[in-house]
Amino acid sequence: MIKMIEKIQEYILCLDEQRYYDAHEALEAIWFPRRFEDDKEMKLLKGFINASVSFELFKQDKILQSKKVWKNYIKYRPLLYNVESSHSNTYHSIARYVEKIHLKQHY
């Protein structure tokens, strides 16, 4: 079984290093096996995955695609306030971090 906290920490490290594709892969290892579950936490992780995909697209100068994928992050963002998880504080920190990255991209 994949250790969730390790993958979350890997996601954050990859964001720090601007390895956005790898960040996506880290969380997808958790999300993908559970993608068909009606689970708020998995949907929130899907939002974070979309944020990192948006950053990777921006890095590749695919601005329109990046904006479109960012909207998927925004769609799942409200789940921060009603997901019950031992990782809730970490999710709030991640949300602040990805939004800070997004603002630096100036689009």
PDB file of N, CA and C in Angstrom:
ATOM      1  N   MET A   1       0.841  -1.195   0.000  1.00  0.00           N
ATOM      2  CA  MET A   1       0.000   0.000   0.000  1.00  0.00           C
ATOM      3  C   MET A   1       0.884   1.256   0.000  1.00  0.00           C
ATOM      4  N   ILE A   2       0.483   2.200  -0.774  1.00  0.00           N
ATOM      5  CA  ILE A   2       1.227   3.458  -0.897  1.00  0.00           C
ATOM      6  C   ILE A   2       1.033   4.279   0.371  1.00  0.00           C
ATOM      7  N   LYS A   3       2.117   4.782   0.904  1.00  0.00           N
ATOM      8  CA  LYS A   3       2.027   5.630   2.092  1.00  0.00           C
ATOM      9  C   LYS A   3       1.677   7.038   1.646  1.00  0.00           C
ATOM     10  N   MET A   4       0.488   7.451   2.027  1.00  0.00           N
ATOM     11  CA  MET A   4      -0.046   8.721   1.585  1.00  0.00           C
ATOM     12  C   MET A   4       0.839   9.902   1.966  1.00  0.00           C
ATOM     13  N   ILE A   5       1.297   9.942   3.194  1.00  0.00           N
ATOM     14  CA  ILE A   5       2.086  11.084   3.652  1.00  0.00           C
ATOM     15  C   ILE A   5       3.384  11.204   2.855  1.00  0.00           C
ATOM     16  N   GLU A   6       3.979  10.077   2.477  1.00  0.00           N
ATOM     17  CA  GLU A   6       5.209  10.117   1.687  1.00  0.00           C
ATOM     18  C   GLU A   6       4.955  10.723   0.313  1.00  0.00           C
ATOM     19  N   LYS A   7       3.833  10.369  -0.291  1.00  0.00           N
ATOM     20  CA  LYS A   7       3.500  10.902  -1.620  1.00  0.00           C
ATOM     21  C   LYS A   7       3.143  12.390  -1.541  1.00  0.00           C
ATOM     22  N   ILE A   8       2.499  12.790  -0.464  1.00  0.00           N
ATOM     23  CA  ILE A   8       2.178  14.202  -0.272  1.00  0.00           C
ATOM     24  C   ILE A   8       3.468  15.008  -0.107  1.00  0.00           C
ATOM     25  N   GLN A   9       4.397  14.483   0.673  1.00  0.00           N
ATOM     26  CA  GLN A   9       5.691  15.159   0.856  1.00  0.00           C
ATOM     27  C   GLN A   9       6.472  15.210  -0.459  1.00  0.00           C
ATOM     28  N   GLU A  10       6.393  14.142  -1.228  1.00  0.00           N
ATOM     29  CA  GLU A  10       7.049  14.120  -2.543  1.00  0.00           C
ATOM     30  C   GLU A  10       6.437  15.186  -3.459  1.00  0.00           C
ATOM     31  N   TYR A  11       5.116  15.321  -3.429  1.00  0.00           N
ATOM     32  CA  TYR A  11       4.422  16.340  -4.225  1.00  0.00           C
ATOM     33  C   TYR A  11       4.965  17.732  -3.889  1.00  0.00           C
ATOM     34  N   ILE A  12       5.056  18.030  -2.601  1.00  0.00           N
ATOM     35  CA  ILE A  12       5.536  19.346  -2.158  1.00  0.00           C
ATOM     36  C   ILE A  12       6.986  19.561  -2.594  1.00  0.00           C
ATOM     37  N   LEU A  13       7.831  18.561  -2.429  1.00  0.00           N
ATOM     38  CA  LEU A  13       9.225  18.664  -2.851  1.00  0.00           C
ATOM     39  C   LEU A  13       9.318  18.937  -4.352  1.00  0.00           C
ATOM     40  N   CYS A  14       8.528  18.223  -5.125  1.00  0.00           N
ATOM     41  CA  CYS A  14       8.537  18.425  -6.579  1.00  0.00           C
ATOM     42  C   CYS A  14       8.089  19.843  -6.939  1.00  0.00           C
ATOM     43  N   LEU A  15       7.087  20.360  -6.241  1.00  0.00           N
ATOM     44  CA  LEU A  15       6.673  21.746  -6.478  1.00  0.00           C
ATOM     45  C   LEU A  15       7.824  22.691  -6.174  1.00  0.00           C
ATOM     46  N   ASP A  16       8.510  22.465  -5.051  1.00  0.00           N
ATOM     47  CA  ASP A  16       9.655  23.292  -4.664  1.00  0.00           C
ATOM     48  C   ASP A  16      10.711  23.328  -5.764  1.00  0.00           C
ATOM     49  N   GLU A  17      10.902  22.188  -6.400  1.00  0.00           N
ATOM     50  CA  GLU A  17      11.943  22.049  -7.418  1.00  0.00           C
ATOM     51  C   GLU A  17      11.428  22.328  -8.831  1.00  0.00           C
ATOM     52  N   GLN A  18      10.210  22.793  -8.930  1.00  0.00           N
ATOM     53  CA  GLN A  18       9.557  23.096 -10.212  1.00  0.00           C
ATOM     54  C   GLN A  18       9.511  21.882 -11.134  1.00  0.00           C
ATOM     55  N   ARG A  19       9.401  20.714 -10.536  1.00  0.00           N
ATOM     56  CA  ARG A  19       9.227  19.466 -11.288  1.00  0.00           C
ATOM     57  C   ARG A  19       7.739  19.128 -11.235  1.00  0.00           C
ATOM     58  N   TYR A  20       6.979  19.875 -12.002  1.00  0.00           N
ATOM     59  CA  TYR A  20       5.526  19.810 -11.904  1.00  0.00           C
ATOM     60  C   TYR A  20       4.953  18.497 -12.435  1.00  0.00           C
ATOM     61  N   TYR A  21       5.563  17.944 -13.467  1.00  0.00           N
ATOM     62  CA  TYR A  21       5.101  16.652 -13.963  1.00  0.00           C
ATOM     63  C   TYR A  21       5.284  15.587 -12.881  1.00  0.00           C
ATOM     64  N   ASP A  22       6.435  15.616 -12.222  1.00  0.00           N
ATOM     65  CA  ASP A  22       6.700  14.651 -11.152  1.00  0.00           C
ATOM     66  C   ASP A  22       5.764  14.850  -9.966  1.00  0.00           C
ATOM     67  N   ALA A  23       5.406  16.106  -9.695  1.00  0.00           N
ATOM     68  CA  ALA A  23       4.440  16.387  -8.621  1.00  0.00           C
ATOM     69  C   ALA A  23       3.112  15.715  -8.945  1.00  0.00           C
ATOM     70  N   HIS A  24       2.697  15.879 -10.185  1.00  0.00           N
ATOM     71  CA  HIS A  24       1.468  15.241 -10.664  1.00  0.00           C
ATOM     72  C   HIS A  24       1.535  13.729 -10.457  1.00  0.00           C
ATOM     73  N   GLU A  25       2.659  13.142 -10.826  1.00  0.00           N
ATOM     74  CA  GLU A  25       2.820  11.691 -10.700  1.00  0.00           C
ATOM     75  C   GLU A  25       2.759  11.235  -9.245  1.00  0.00           C
ATOM     76  N   ALA A  26       3.323  12.017  -8.344  1.00  0.00           N
ATOM     77  CA  ALA A  26       3.337  11.647  -6.925  1.00  0.00           C
ATOM     78  C   ALA A  26       1.920  11.486  -6.385  1.00  0.00           C
ATOM     79  N   LEU A  27       1.062  12.480  -6.646  1.00  0.00           N
ATOM     80  CA  LEU A  27      -0.306  12.386  -6.132  1.00  0.00           C
ATOM     81  C   LEU A  27      -1.155  11.420  -6.938  1.00  0.00           C
ATOM     82  N   GLU A  28      -0.849  11.282  -8.200  1.00  0.00           N
ATOM     83  CA  GLU A  28      -1.627  10.344  -9.008  1.00  0.00           C
ATOM     84  C   GLU A  28      -1.462   8.914  -8.504  1.00  0.00           C
ATOM     85  N   ALA A  29      -0.330   8.606  -7.898  1.00  0.00           N
ATOM     86  CA  ALA A  29      -0.121   7.266  -7.330  1.00  0.00           C
ATOM     87  C   ALA A  29      -1.149   6.965  -6.241  1.00  0.00           C
ATOM     88  N   ILE A  30      -1.611   7.996  -5.553  1.00  0.00           N
ATOM     89  CA  ILE A  30      -2.652   7.833  -4.524  1.00  0.00           C
ATOM     90  C   ILE A  30      -4.028   7.850  -5.171  1.00  0.00           C
ATOM     91  N   TRP A  31      -4.249   8.837  -6.025  1.00  0.00           N
ATOM     92  CA  TRP A  31      -5.572   9.077  -6.591  1.00  0.00           C
ATOM     93  C   TRP A  31      -6.019   8.005  -7.582  1.00  0.00           C
ATOM     94  N   PHE A  32      -5.133   7.606  -8.484  1.00  0.00           N
ATOM     95  CA  PHE A  32      -5.537   6.740  -9.594  1.00  0.00           C
ATOM     96  C   PHE A  32      -6.233   5.449  -9.155  1.00  0.00           C
ATOM     97  N   PRO A  33      -5.689   4.705  -8.193  1.00  0.00           N
ATOM     98  CA  PRO A  33      -6.380   3.465  -7.792  1.00  0.00           C
ATOM     99  C   PRO A  33      -7.761   3.715  -7.179  1.00  0.00           C
ATOM    100  N   ARG A  34      -7.999   4.936  -6.725  1.00  0.00           N
ATOM    101  CA  ARG A  34      -9.266   5.248  -6.036  1.00  0.00           C
ATOM    102  C   ARG A  34     -10.126   6.249  -6.820  1.00  0.00           C
ATOM    103  N   ARG A  35      -9.793   6.474  -8.072  1.00  0.00           N
ATOM    104  CA  ARG A  35     -10.415   7.536  -8.865  1.00  0.00           C
ATOM    105  C   ARG A  35     -11.919   7.389  -9.054  1.00  0.00           C
ATOM    106  N   PHE A  36     -12.455   6.195  -8.923  1.00  0.00           N
ATOM    107  CA  PHE A  36     -13.890   5.997  -9.126  1.00  0.00           C
ATOM    108  C   PHE A  36     -14.689   6.102  -7.832  1.00  0.00           C
ATOM    109  N   GLU A  37     -14.003   6.289  -6.729  1.00  0.00           N
ATOM    110  CA  GLU A  37     -14.687   6.435  -5.445  1.00  0.00           C
ATOM    111  C   GLU A  37     -15.303   7.828  -5.339  1.00  0.00           C
ATOM    112  N   ASP A  38     -16.451   7.895  -4.710  1.00  0.00           N
ATOM    113  CA  ASP A  38     -17.068   9.195  -4.442  1.00  0.00           C
ATOM    114  C   ASP A  38     -16.533   9.673  -3.096  1.00  0.00           C
ATOM    115  N   ASP A  39     -15.298  10.165  -3.123  1.00  0.00           N
ATOM    116  CA  ASP A  39     -14.579  10.503  -1.912  1.00  0.00           C
ATOM    117  C   ASP A  39     -14.039  11.927  -2.034  1.00  0.00           C
ATOM    118  N   LYS A  40     -14.400  12.774  -1.099  1.00  0.00           N
ATOM    119  CA  LYS A  40     -13.991  14.184  -1.157  1.00  0.00           C
ATOM    120  C   LYS A  40     -12.484  14.352  -1.129  1.00  0.00           C
ATOM    121  N   GLU A  41     -11.819  13.540  -0.347  1.00  0.00           N
ATOM    122  CA  GLU A  41     -10.362  13.655  -0.266  1.00  0.00           C
ATOM    123  C   GLU A  41      -9.713  13.322  -1.607  1.00  0.00           C
ATOM    124  N   MET A  42     -10.207  12.290  -2.285  1.00  0.00           N
ATOM    125  CA  MET A  42      -9.649  11.930  -3.590  1.00  0.00           C
ATOM    126  C   MET A  42      -9.923  13.034  -4.618  1.00  0.00           C
ATOM    127  N   LYS A  43     -11.077  13.652  -4.518  1.00  0.00           N
ATOM    128  CA  LYS A  43     -11.389  14.761  -5.433  1.00  0.00           C
ATOM    129  C   LYS A  43     -10.494  15.965  -5.159  1.00  0.00           C
ATOM    130  N   LEU A  44     -10.190  16.219  -3.905  1.00  0.00           N
ATOM    131  CA  LEU A  44      -9.278  17.303  -3.558  1.00  0.00           C
ATOM    132  C   LEU A  44      -7.886  17.007  -4.108  1.00  0.00           C
ATOM    133  N   LEU A  45      -7.433  15.762  -3.978  1.00  0.00           N
ATOM    134  CA  LEU A  45      -6.142  15.389  -4.550  1.00  0.00           C
ATOM    135  C   LEU A  45      -6.147  15.572  -6.062  1.00  0.00           C
ATOM    136  N   LYS A  46      -7.260  15.258  -6.689  1.00  0.00           N
ATOM    137  CA  LYS A  46      -7.394  15.474  -8.136  1.00  0.00           C
ATOM    138  C   LYS A  46      -7.214  16.961  -8.455  1.00  0.00           C
ATOM    139  N   GLY A  47      -7.733  17.817  -7.611  1.00  0.00           N
ATOM    140  CA  GLY A  47      -7.546  19.250  -7.794  1.00  0.00           C
ATOM    141  C   GLY A  47      -6.084  19.640  -7.710  1.00  0.00           C
ATOM    142  N   PHE A  48      -5.364  19.108  -6.740  1.00  0.00           N
ATOM    143  CA  PHE A  48      -3.932  19.402  -6.614  1.00  0.00           C
ATOM    144  C   PHE A  48      -3.145  18.850  -7.810  1.00  0.00           C
ATOM    145  N   ILE A  49      -3.564  17.697  -8.294  1.00  0.00           N
ATOM    146  CA  ILE A  49      -2.943  17.138  -9.502  1.00  0.00           C
ATOM    147  C   ILE A  49      -3.132  18.107 -10.662  1.00  0.00           C
ATOM    148  N   ASN A  50      -4.352  18.624 -10.799  1.00  0.00           N
ATOM    149  CA  ASN A  50      -4.626  19.580 -11.873  1.00  0.00           C
ATOM    150  C   ASN A  50      -3.797  20.845 -11.724  1.00  0.00           C
ATOM    151  N   ALA A  51      -3.564  21.294 -10.497  1.00  0.00           N
ATOM    152  CA  ALA A  51      -2.735  22.480 -10.285  1.00  0.00           C
ATOM    153  C   ALA A  51      -1.332  22.238 -10.835  1.00  0.00           C
ATOM    154  N   SER A  52      -0.744  21.094 -10.517  1.00  0.00           N
ATOM    155  CA  SER A  52       0.614  20.824 -11.001  1.00  0.00           C
ATOM    156  C   SER A  52       0.654  20.654 -12.521  1.00  0.00           C
ATOM    157  N   VAL A  53      -0.392  20.069 -13.094  1.00  0.00           N
ATOM    158  CA  VAL A  53      -0.472  19.959 -14.555  1.00  0.00           C
ATOM    159  C   VAL A  53      -0.542  21.360 -15.172  1.00  0.00           C
ATOM    160  N   SER A  54      -1.321  22.226 -14.559  1.00  0.00           N
ATOM    161  CA  SER A  54      -1.417  23.608 -15.033  1.00  0.00           C
ATOM    162  C   SER A  54      -0.044  24.279 -15.040  1.00  0.00           C
ATOM    163  N   PHE A  55       0.738  24.061 -13.995  1.00  0.00           N
ATOM    164  CA  PHE A  55       2.072  24.658 -13.910  1.00  0.00           C
ATOM    165  C   PHE A  55       3.002  24.093 -14.988  1.00  0.00           C
ATOM    166  N   GLU A  56       2.893  22.796 -15.232  1.00  0.00           N
ATOM    167  CA  GLU A  56       3.728  22.178 -16.262  1.00  0.00           C
ATOM    168  C   GLU A  56       3.372  22.741 -17.641  1.00  0.00           C
ATOM    169  N   LEU A  57       2.097  22.900 -17.903  1.00  0.00           N
ATOM    170  CA  LEU A  57       1.665  23.472 -19.183  1.00  0.00           C
ATOM    171  C   LEU A  57       2.155  24.906 -19.325  1.00  0.00           C
ATOM    172  N   PHE A  58       2.097  25.672 -18.247  1.00  0.00           N
ATOM    173  CA  PHE A  58       2.596  27.042 -18.272  1.00  0.00           C
ATOM    174  C   PHE A  58       4.091  27.057 -18.590  1.00  0.00           C
ATOM    175  N   LYS A  59       4.817  26.150 -17.959  1.00  0.00           N
ATOM    176  CA  LYS A  59       6.263  26.031 -18.172  1.00  0.00           C
ATOM    177  C   LYS A  59       6.580  25.728 -19.640  1.00  0.00           C
ATOM    178  N   GLN A  60       5.674  25.008 -20.301  1.00  0.00           N
ATOM    179  CA  GLN A  60       5.846  24.666 -21.712  1.00  0.00           C
ATOM    180  C   GLN A  60       5.278  25.754 -22.630  1.00  0.00           C
ATOM    181  N   ASP A  61       4.900  26.886 -22.046  1.00  0.00           N
ATOM    182  CA  ASP A  61       4.342  28.028 -22.778  1.00  0.00           C
ATOM    183  C   ASP A  61       3.000  27.699 -23.444  1.00  0.00           C
ATOM    184  N   LYS A  62       2.250  26.808 -22.821  1.00  0.00           N
ATOM    185  CA  LYS A  62       0.900  26.457 -23.290  1.00  0.00           C
ATOM    186  C   LYS A  62      -0.096  27.144 -22.362  1.00  0.00           C
ATOM    187  N   ILE A  63      -0.175  28.459 -22.506  1.00  0.00           N
ATOM    188  CA  ILE A  63      -0.894  29.308 -21.561  1.00  0.00           C
ATOM    189  C   ILE A  63      -2.397  29.009 -21.548  1.00  0.00           C
ATOM    190  N   LEU A  64      -3.009  28.897 -22.712  1.00  0.00           N
ATOM    191  CA  LEU A  64      -4.458  28.638 -22.744  1.00  0.00           C
ATOM    192  C   LEU A  64      -4.810  27.309 -22.092  1.00  0.00           C
ATOM    193  N   GLN A  65      -4.026  26.282 -22.384  1.00  0.00           N
ATOM    194  CA  GLN A  65      -4.271  24.976 -21.767  1.00  0.00           C
ATOM    195  C   GLN A  65      -4.050  25.046 -20.257  1.00  0.00           C
ATOM    196  N   SER A  66      -3.034  25.796 -19.857  1.00  0.00           N
ATOM    197  CA  SER A  66      -2.748  25.953 -18.435  1.00  0.00           C
ATOM    198  C   SER A  66      -3.929  26.592 -17.711  1.00  0.00           C
ATOM    199  N   LYS A  67      -4.490  27.623 -18.303  1.00  0.00           N
ATOM    200  CA  LYS A  67      -5.646  28.299 -17.693  1.00  0.00           C
ATOM    201  C   LYS A  67      -6.837  27.359 -17.577  1.00  0.00           C
ATOM    202  N   LYS A  68      -7.051  26.573 -18.606  1.00  0.00           N
ATOM    203  CA  LYS A  68      -8.177  25.631 -18.598  1.00  0.00           C
ATOM    204  C   LYS A  68      -8.030  24.595 -17.471  1.00  0.00           C
ATOM    205  N   VAL A  69      -6.836  24.050 -17.324  1.00  0.00           N
ATOM    206  CA  VAL A  69      -6.600  23.033 -16.290  1.00  0.00           C
ATOM    207  C   VAL A  69      -6.663  23.666 -14.895  1.00  0.00           C
ATOM    208  N   TRP A  70      -6.220  24.916 -14.765  1.00  0.00           N
ATOM    209  CA  TRP A  70      -6.295  25.609 -13.477  1.00  0.00           C
ATOM    210  C   TRP A  70      -7.743  25.687 -13.002  1.00  0.00           C
ATOM    211  N   LYS A  71      -8.662  25.869 -13.911  1.00  0.00           N
ATOM    212  CA  LYS A  71     -10.083  25.934 -13.546  1.00  0.00           C
ATOM    213  C   LYS A  71     -10.539  24.644 -12.876  1.00  0.00           C
ATOM    214  N   ASN A  72      -9.935  23.520 -13.243  1.00  0.00           N
ATOM    215  CA  ASN A  72     -10.264  22.251 -12.577  1.00  0.00           C
ATOM    216  C   ASN A  72      -9.800  22.264 -11.130  1.00  0.00           C
ATOM    217  N   TYR A  73      -8.636  22.854 -10.890  1.00  0.00           N
ATOM    218  CA  TYR A  73      -8.192  23.003  -9.494  1.00  0.00           C
ATOM    219  C   TYR A  73      -9.219  23.835  -8.720  1.00  0.00           C
ATOM    220  N   ILE A  74      -9.620  24.944  -9.292  1.00  0.00           N
ATOM    221  CA  ILE A  74     -10.576  25.843  -8.635  1.00  0.00           C
ATOM    222  C   ILE A  74     -11.890  25.117  -8.331  1.00  0.00           C
ATOM    223  N   LYS A  75     -12.306  24.239  -9.225  1.00  0.00           N
ATOM    224  CA  LYS A  75     -13.551  23.479  -9.039  1.00  0.00           C
ATOM    225  C   LYS A  75     -13.498  22.621  -7.768  1.00  0.00           C
ATOM    226  N   TYR A  76     -12.338  22.045  -7.482  1.00  0.00           N
ATOM    227  CA  TYR A  76     -12.210  21.152  -6.330  1.00  0.00           C
ATOM    228  C   TYR A  76     -11.770  21.870  -5.054  1.00  0.00           C
ATOM    229  N   ARG A  77     -11.308  23.087  -5.164  1.00  0.00           N
ATOM    230  CA  ARG A  77     -10.774  23.819  -4.023  1.00  0.00           C
ATOM    231  C   ARG A  77     -11.742  23.924  -2.836  1.00  0.00           C
ATOM    232  N   PRO A  78     -13.046  24.132  -3.041  1.00  0.00           N
ATOM    233  CA  PRO A  78     -13.960  24.231  -1.896  1.00  0.00           C
ATOM    234  C   PRO A  78     -13.970  22.990  -0.994  1.00  0.00           C
ATOM    235  N   LEU A  79     -13.510  21.877  -1.503  1.00  0.00           N
ATOM    236  CA  LEU A  79     -13.465  20.660  -0.688  1.00  0.00           C
ATOM    237  C   LEU A  79     -12.495  20.798   0.487  1.00  0.00           C
ATOM    238  N   LEU A  80     -11.590  21.762   0.416  1.00  0.00           N
ATOM    239  CA  LEU A  80     -10.676  22.014   1.545  1.00  0.00           C
ATOM    240  C   LEU A  80     -11.441  22.202   2.850  1.00  0.00           C
ATOM    241  N   TYR A  81     -12.645  22.745   2.750  1.00  0.00           N
ATOM    242  CA  TYR A  81     -13.396  23.141   3.940  1.00  0.00           C
ATOM    243  C   TYR A  81     -14.375  22.080   4.434  1.00  0.00           C
ATOM    244  N   ASN A  82     -14.492  20.982   3.705  1.00  0.00           N
ATOM    245  CA  ASN A  82     -15.395  19.945   4.210  1.00  0.00           C
ATOM    246  C   ASN A  82     -14.876  18.516   4.010  1.00  0.00           C
ATOM    247  N   VAL A  83     -13.575  18.393   3.811  1.00  0.00           N
ATOM    248  CA  VAL A  83     -12.986  17.053   3.765  1.00  0.00           C
ATOM    249  C   VAL A  83     -12.510  16.696   5.169  1.00  0.00           C
ATOM    250  N   GLU A  84     -12.824  15.489   5.586  1.00  0.00           N
ATOM    251  CA  GLU A  84     -12.377  15.020   6.891  1.00  0.00           C
ATOM    252  C   GLU A  84     -11.176  14.110   6.664  1.00  0.00           C
ATOM    253  N   SER A  85     -10.013  14.596   7.096  1.00  0.00           N
ATOM    254  CA  SER A  85      -8.774  13.856   6.868  1.00  0.00           C
ATOM    255  C   SER A  85      -7.754  14.247   7.917  1.00  0.00           C
ATOM    256  N   SER A  86      -6.892  13.305   8.224  1.00  0.00           N
ATOM    257  CA  SER A  86      -5.785  13.623   9.125  1.00  0.00           C
ATOM    258  C   SER A  86      -4.771  14.540   8.430  1.00  0.00           C
ATOM    259  N   HIS A  87      -4.930  14.735   7.136  1.00  0.00           N
ATOM    260  CA  HIS A  87      -4.026  15.578   6.351  1.00  0.00           C
ATOM    261  C   HIS A  87      -4.612  16.952   6.048  1.00  0.00           C
ATOM    262  N   SER A  88      -5.711  17.306   6.691  1.00  0.00           N
ATOM    263  CA  SER A  88      -6.400  18.567   6.370  1.00  0.00           C
ATOM    264  C   SER A  88      -5.493  19.791   6.466  1.00  0.00           C
ATOM    265  N   ASN A  89      -4.705  19.892   7.528  1.00  0.00           N
ATOM    266  CA  ASN A  89      -3.812  21.050   7.670  1.00  0.00           C
ATOM    267  C   ASN A  89      -2.798  21.094   6.527  1.00  0.00           C
ATOM    268  N   THR A  90      -2.287  19.949   6.151  1.00  0.00           N
ATOM    269  CA  THR A  90      -1.337  19.880   5.040  1.00  0.00           C
ATOM    270  C   THR A  90      -2.013  20.312   3.744  1.00  0.00           C
ATOM    271  N   TYR A  91      -3.257  19.900   3.538  1.00  0.00           N
ATOM    272  CA  TYR A  91      -3.982  20.287   2.318  1.00  0.00           C
ATOM    273  C   TYR A  91      -4.166  21.806   2.251  1.00  0.00           C
ATOM    274  N   HIS A  92      -4.439  22.421   3.380  1.00  0.00           N
ATOM    275  CA  HIS A  92      -4.575  23.884   3.401  1.00  0.00           C
ATOM    276  C   HIS A  92      -3.246  24.550   3.043  1.00  0.00           C
ATOM    277  N   SER A  93      -2.158  24.006   3.546  1.00  0.00           N
ATOM    278  CA  SER A  93      -0.831  24.535   3.220  1.00  0.00           C
ATOM    279  C   SER A  93      -0.522  24.361   1.733  1.00  0.00           C
ATOM    280  N   ILE A  94      -0.865  23.211   1.201  1.00  0.00           N
ATOM    281  CA  ILE A  94      -0.646  22.962  -0.227  1.00  0.00           C
ATOM    282  C   ILE A  94      -1.457  23.951  -1.060  1.00  0.00           C
ATOM    283  N   ALA A  95      -2.698  24.175  -0.671  1.00  0.00           N
ATOM    284  CA  ALA A  95      -3.549  25.103  -1.421  1.00  0.00           C
ATOM    285  C   ALA A  95      -2.925  26.496  -1.445  1.00  0.00           C
ATOM    286  N   ARG A  96      -2.446  26.957  -0.297  1.00  0.00           N
ATOM    287  CA  ARG A  96      -1.788  28.275  -0.265  1.00  0.00           C
ATOM    288  C   ARG A  96      -0.560  28.292  -1.171  1.00  0.00           C
ATOM    289  N   TYR A  97       0.175  27.212  -1.150  1.00  0.00           N
ATOM    290  CA  TYR A  97       1.401  27.127  -1.935  1.00  0.00           C
ATOM    291  C   TYR A  97       1.114  27.130  -3.440  1.00  0.00           C
ATOM    292  N   VAL A  98       0.175  26.298  -3.882  1.00  0.00           N
ATOM    293  CA  VAL A  98      -0.109  26.250  -5.323  1.00  0.00           C
ATOM    294  C   VAL A  98      -0.714  27.575  -5.801  1.00  0.00           C
ATOM    295  N   GLU A  99      -1.484  28.225  -4.945  1.00  0.00           N
ATOM    296  CA  GLU A  99      -2.052  29.511  -5.334  1.00  0.00           C
ATOM    297  C   GLU A  99      -0.972  30.589  -5.415  1.00  0.00           C
ATOM    298  N   LYS A 100       0.039  30.477  -4.583  1.00  0.00           N
ATOM    299  CA  LYS A 100       1.177  31.405  -4.647  1.00  0.00           C
ATOM    300  C   LYS A 100       1.953  31.182  -5.954  1.00  0.00           C
ATOM    301  N   ILE A 101       2.172  29.932  -6.316  1.00  0.00           N
ATOM    302  CA  ILE A 101       2.845  29.622  -7.581  1.00  0.00           C
ATOM    303  C   ILE A 101       2.031  30.191  -8.743  1.00  0.00           C
ATOM    304  N   HIS A 102       0.737  29.965  -8.694  1.00  0.00           N
ATOM    305  CA  HIS A 102      -0.158  30.444  -9.758  1.00  0.00           C
ATOM    306  C   HIS A 102      -0.051  31.962  -9.926  1.00  0.00           C
ATOM    307  N   LEU A 103      -0.038  32.683  -8.837  1.00  0.00           N
ATOM    308  CA  LEU A 103       0.057  34.151  -8.897  1.00  0.00           C
ATOM    309  C   LEU A 103       1.376  34.613  -9.515  1.00  0.00           C
ATOM    310  N   LYS A 104       2.440  33.872  -9.281  1.00  0.00           N
ATOM    311  CA  LYS A 104       3.747  34.229  -9.844  1.00  0.00           C
ATOM    312  C   LYS A 104       3.805  34.049 -11.357  1.00  0.00           C
ATOM    313  N   GLN A 105       2.856  33.290 -11.899  1.00  0.00           N
ATOM    314  CA  GLN A 105       2.883  33.021 -13.348  1.00  0.00           C
ATOM    315  C   GLN A 105       2.334  34.189 -14.166  1.00  0.00           C
ATOM    316  N   HIS A 106       1.732  35.152 -13.510  1.00  0.00           N
ATOM    317  CA  HIS A 106       1.295  36.405 -14.169  1.00  0.00           C
ATOM    318  C   HIS A 106       0.389  36.201 -15.375  1.00  0.00           C
ATOM    319  N   TYR A 107      -0.550  35.335 -15.309  1.00  0.00           N
ATOM    320  CA  TYR A 107      -1.519  35.327 -16.402  1.00  0.00           C
ATOM    321  C   TYR A 107      -2.844  35.691 -15.867  1.00  0.00           C
TER     322      TYR A 107
END
